[in-house]
Amino acid sequence: MTGANIFAFDGFRPVIHESAFIHPNATVTGNVIIGRDVYVGPGAAIRG
């Protein structure tokens, strides 16, 4: 998950399981929960 774009928004910070993989070119923002063994690929934008 190193180098991934992970941002807090409106007081919420994403919760990401330690086994998940977030591609460095993906963005995860706000009230989001990424579960066990989840893969977030390049160019993905997840906002909550």
PDB file of N, CA and C in Angstrom:
ATOM      1  N   MET A   1       0.816  -1.195   0.000  1.00  0.00           N
ATOM      2  CA  MET A   1       0.000   0.000   0.000  1.00  0.00           C
ATOM      3  C   MET A   1       0.858   1.256   0.000  1.00  0.00           C
ATOM      4  N   THR A   2       2.122   1.141   0.133  1.00  0.00           N
ATOM      5  CA  THR A   2       3.010   2.301   0.164  1.00  0.00           C
ATOM      6  C   THR A   2       2.873   3.131  -1.103  1.00  0.00           C
ATOM      7  N   GLY A   3       2.783   4.440  -0.948  1.00  0.00           N
ATOM      8  CA  GLY A   3       2.690   5.335  -2.086  1.00  0.00           C
ATOM      9  C   GLY A   3       1.279   5.576  -2.586  1.00  0.00           C
ATOM     10  N   ALA A   4       0.300   4.907  -1.988  1.00  0.00           N
ATOM     11  CA  ALA A   4      -1.087   5.095  -2.417  1.00  0.00           C
ATOM     12  C   ALA A   4      -1.588   6.472  -1.993  1.00  0.00           C
ATOM     13  N   ASN A   5      -2.548   6.991  -2.731  1.00  0.00           N
ATOM     14  CA  ASN A   5      -3.167   8.276  -2.415  1.00  0.00           C
ATOM     15  C   ASN A   5      -4.371   8.029  -1.523  1.00  0.00           C
ATOM     16  N   ILE A   6      -4.178   8.214  -0.226  1.00  0.00           N
ATOM     17  CA  ILE A   6      -5.228   7.972   0.760  1.00  0.00           C
ATOM     18  C   ILE A   6      -5.450   9.268   1.525  1.00  0.00           C
ATOM     19  N   PHE A   7      -6.692   9.771   1.496  1.00  0.00           N
ATOM     20  CA  PHE A   7      -6.979  11.086   2.051  1.00  0.00           C
ATOM     21  C   PHE A   7      -8.196  11.068   2.968  1.00  0.00           C
ATOM     22  N   ALA A   8      -8.126  11.867   4.017  1.00  0.00           N
ATOM     23  CA  ALA A   8      -9.293  12.122   4.858  1.00  0.00           C
ATOM     24  C   ALA A   8     -10.178  13.137   4.137  1.00  0.00           C
ATOM     25  N   PHE A   9     -11.490  13.075   4.421  1.00  0.00           N
ATOM     26  CA  PHE A   9     -12.420  14.060   3.875  1.00  0.00           C
ATOM     27  C   PHE A   9     -13.566  14.240   4.845  1.00  0.00           C
ATOM     28  N   ASP A  10     -13.883  15.478   5.142  1.00  0.00           N
ATOM     29  CA  ASP A  10     -15.014  15.820   6.010  1.00  0.00           C
ATOM     30  C   ASP A  10     -14.929  15.101   7.358  1.00  0.00           C
ATOM     31  N   GLY A  11     -13.703  14.950   7.872  1.00  0.00           N
ATOM     32  CA  GLY A  11     -13.495  14.325   9.174  1.00  0.00           C
ATOM     33  C   GLY A  11     -13.397  12.812   9.153  1.00  0.00           C
ATOM     34  N   PHE A  12     -13.529  12.201   7.979  1.00  0.00           N
ATOM     35  CA  PHE A  12     -13.446  10.745   7.856  1.00  0.00           C
ATOM     36  C   PHE A  12     -12.147  10.356   7.161  1.00  0.00           C
ATOM     37  N   ARG A  13     -11.520   9.297   7.668  1.00  0.00           N
ATOM     38  CA  ARG A  13     -10.309   8.756   7.056  1.00  0.00           C
ATOM     39  C   ARG A  13     -10.590   7.300   6.676  1.00  0.00           C
ATOM     40  N   PRO A  14     -10.155   6.877   5.493  1.00  0.00           N
ATOM     41  CA  PRO A  14     -10.385   5.493   5.087  1.00  0.00           C
ATOM     42  C   PRO A  14      -9.789   4.493   6.078  1.00  0.00           C
ATOM     43  N   VAL A  15     -10.475   3.373   6.242  1.00  0.00           N
ATOM     44  CA  VAL A  15      -9.985   2.257   7.052  1.00  0.00           C
ATOM     45  C   VAL A  15      -9.626   1.161   6.055  1.00  0.00           C
ATOM     46  N   ILE A  16      -8.361   0.745   6.070  1.00  0.00           N
ATOM     47  CA  ILE A  16      -7.883  -0.214   5.078  1.00  0.00           C
ATOM     48  C   ILE A  16      -7.238  -1.396   5.790  1.00  0.00           C
ATOM     49  N   HIS A  17      -7.754  -2.580   5.523  1.00  0.00           N
ATOM     50  CA  HIS A  17      -7.214  -3.795   6.139  1.00  0.00           C
ATOM     51  C   HIS A  17      -5.759  -3.974   5.711  1.00  0.00           C
ATOM     52  N   GLU A  18      -4.950  -4.483   6.615  1.00  0.00           N
ATOM     53  CA  GLU A  18      -3.518  -4.627   6.335  1.00  0.00           C
ATOM     54  C   GLU A  18      -3.211  -5.579   5.184  1.00  0.00           C
ATOM     55  N   SER A  19      -4.127  -6.485   4.845  1.00  0.00           N
ATOM     56  CA  SER A  19      -3.888  -7.419   3.743  1.00  0.00           C
ATOM     57  C   SER A  19      -4.359  -6.872   2.389  1.00  0.00           C
ATOM     58  N   ALA A  20      -5.035  -5.725   2.389  1.00  0.00           N
ATOM     59  CA  ALA A  20      -5.527  -5.136   1.139  1.00  0.00           C
ATOM     60  C   ALA A  20      -4.363  -4.535   0.353  1.00  0.00           C
ATOM     61  N   PHE A  21      -4.536  -4.480  -0.965  1.00  0.00           N
ATOM     62  CA  PHE A  21      -3.542  -3.838  -1.821  1.00  0.00           C
ATOM     63  C   PHE A  21      -4.196  -2.666  -2.532  1.00  0.00           C
ATOM     64  N   ILE A  22      -3.631  -1.480  -2.341  1.00  0.00           N
ATOM     65  CA  ILE A  22      -4.087  -0.271  -3.026  1.00  0.00           C
ATOM     66  C   ILE A  22      -2.970   0.126  -3.986  1.00  0.00           C
ATOM     67  N   HIS A  23      -3.259   0.119  -5.272  1.00  0.00           N
ATOM     68  CA  HIS A  23      -2.245   0.481  -6.264  1.00  0.00           C
ATOM     69  C   HIS A  23      -1.808   1.931  -6.042  1.00  0.00           C
ATOM     70  N   PRO A  24      -0.533   2.241  -6.246  1.00  0.00           N
ATOM     71  CA  PRO A  24      -0.047   3.619  -6.051  1.00  0.00           C
ATOM     72  C   PRO A  24      -0.752   4.656  -6.920  1.00  0.00           C
ATOM     73  N   ASN A  25      -1.367   4.237  -8.037  1.00  0.00           N
ATOM     74  CA  ASN A  25      -2.091   5.178  -8.894  1.00  0.00           C
ATOM     75  C   ASN A  25      -3.592   5.189  -8.624  1.00  0.00           C
ATOM     76  N   ALA A  26      -4.014   4.624  -7.507  1.00  0.00           N
ATOM     77  CA  ALA A  26      -5.420   4.652  -7.090  1.00  0.00           C
ATOM     78  C   ALA A  26      -5.585   5.704  -5.996  1.00  0.00           C
ATOM     79  N   THR A  27      -6.817   6.160  -5.800  1.00  0.00           N
ATOM     80  CA  THR A  27      -7.118   7.147  -4.764  1.00  0.00           C
ATOM     81  C   THR A  27      -8.274   6.649  -3.910  1.00  0.00           C
ATOM     82  N   VAL A  28      -8.093   6.718  -2.596  1.00  0.00           N
ATOM     83  CA  VAL A  28      -9.133   6.334  -1.642  1.00  0.00           C
ATOM     84  C   VAL A  28      -9.348   7.534  -0.723  1.00  0.00           C
ATOM     85  N   THR A  29     -10.591   8.014  -0.651  1.00  0.00           N
ATOM     86  CA  THR A  29     -10.885   9.249   0.067  1.00  0.00           C
ATOM     87  C   THR A  29     -12.124   9.110   0.937  1.00  0.00           C
ATOM     88  N   GLY A  30     -12.021   9.571   2.181  1.00  0.00           N
ATOM     89  CA  GLY A  30     -13.183   9.738   3.044  1.00  0.00           C
ATOM     90  C   GLY A  30     -13.656   8.503   3.775  1.00  0.00           C
ATOM     91  N   ASN A  31     -14.978   8.399   3.930  1.00  0.00           N
ATOM     92  CA  ASN A  31     -15.633   7.376   4.736  1.00  0.00           C
ATOM     93  C   ASN A  31     -15.718   6.058   3.955  1.00  0.00           C
ATOM     94  N   VAL A  32     -14.581   5.355   3.889  1.00  0.00           N
ATOM     95  CA  VAL A  32     -14.456   4.133   3.090  1.00  0.00           C
ATOM     96  C   VAL A  32     -13.835   3.048   3.962  1.00  0.00           C
ATOM     97  N   ILE A  33     -14.320   1.817   3.820  1.00  0.00           N
ATOM     98  CA  ILE A  33     -13.711   0.668   4.488  1.00  0.00           C
ATOM     99  C   ILE A  33     -13.288  -0.315   3.401  1.00  0.00           C
ATOM    100  N   ILE A  34     -11.992  -0.610   3.355  1.00  0.00           N
ATOM    101  CA  ILE A  34     -11.445  -1.588   2.414  1.00  0.00           C
ATOM    102  C   ILE A  34     -11.144  -2.844   3.223  1.00  0.00           C
ATOM    103  N   GLY A  35     -11.798  -3.937   2.880  1.00  0.00           N
ATOM    104  CA  GLY A  35     -11.701  -5.167   3.661  1.00  0.00           C
ATOM    105  C   GLY A  35     -10.497  -6.033   3.333  1.00  0.00           C
ATOM    106  N   ARG A  36     -10.500  -7.196   3.953  1.00  0.00           N
ATOM    107  CA  ARG A  36      -9.416  -8.164   3.833  1.00  0.00           C
ATOM    108  C   ARG A  36      -9.254  -8.665   2.397  1.00  0.00           C
ATOM    109  N   ASP A  37      -8.010  -8.712   1.955  1.00  0.00           N
ATOM    110  CA  ASP A  37      -7.628  -9.253   0.641  1.00  0.00           C
ATOM    111  C   ASP A  37      -8.246  -8.513  -0.547  1.00  0.00           C
ATOM    112  N   VAL A  38      -8.639  -7.267  -0.364  1.00  0.00           N
ATOM    113  CA  VAL A  38      -9.210  -6.471  -1.455  1.00  0.00           C
ATOM    114  C   VAL A  38      -8.076  -5.902  -2.309  1.00  0.00           C
ATOM    115  N   TYR A  39      -8.297  -5.866  -3.618  1.00  0.00           N
ATOM    116  CA  TYR A  39      -7.354  -5.278  -4.568  1.00  0.00           C
ATOM    117  C   TYR A  39      -8.016  -4.052  -5.181  1.00  0.00           C
ATOM    118  N   VAL A  40      -7.341  -2.903  -5.098  1.00  0.00           N
ATOM    119  CA  VAL A  40      -7.814  -1.680  -5.739  1.00  0.00           C
ATOM    120  C   VAL A  40      -6.791  -1.357  -6.823  1.00  0.00           C
ATOM    121  N   GLY A  41      -7.209  -1.439  -8.071  1.00  0.00           N
ATOM    122  CA  GLY A  41      -6.303  -1.332  -9.205  1.00  0.00           C
ATOM    123  C   GLY A  41      -5.959   0.091  -9.606  1.00  0.00           C
ATOM    124  N   PRO A  42      -5.044   0.215 -10.567  1.00  0.00           N
ATOM    125  CA  PRO A  42      -4.578   1.523 -11.020  1.00  0.00           C
ATOM    126  C   PRO A  42      -5.713   2.354 -11.616  1.00  0.00           C
ATOM    127  N   GLY A  43      -5.733   3.630 -11.262  1.00  0.00           N
ATOM    128  CA  GLY A  43      -6.734   4.547 -11.785  1.00  0.00           C
ATOM    129  C   GLY A  43      -8.054   4.540 -11.039  1.00  0.00           C
ATOM    130  N   ALA A  44      -8.225   3.622 -10.091  1.00  0.00           N
ATOM    131  CA  ALA A  44      -9.477   3.569  -9.326  1.00  0.00           C
ATOM    132  C   ALA A  44      -9.588   4.786  -8.415  1.00  0.00           C
ATOM    133  N   ALA A  45     -10.806   5.275  -8.249  1.00  0.00           N
ATOM    134  CA  ALA A  45     -11.091   6.367  -7.315  1.00  0.00           C
ATOM    135  C   ALA A  45     -12.272   5.928  -6.459  1.00  0.00           C
ATOM    136  N   ILE A  46     -12.026   5.754  -5.168  1.00  0.00           N
ATOM    137  CA  ILE A  46     -13.073   5.323  -4.238  1.00  0.00           C
ATOM    138  C   ILE A  46     -13.303   6.460  -3.259  1.00  0.00           C
ATOM    139  N   ARG A  47     -14.547   6.950  -3.209  1.00  0.00           N
ATOM    140  CA  ARG A  47     -14.876   8.083  -2.338  1.00  0.00           C
ATOM    141  C   ARG A  47     -16.083   7.733  -1.486  1.00  0.00           C
ATOM    142  N   GLY A  48     -16.005   8.139  -0.235  1.00  0.00           N
ATOM    143  CA  GLY A  48     -17.129   7.872   0.650  1.00  0.00           C
ATOM    144  C   GLY A  48     -17.472   9.049   1.504  1.00  0.00           C
TER     145      GLY A  48
END
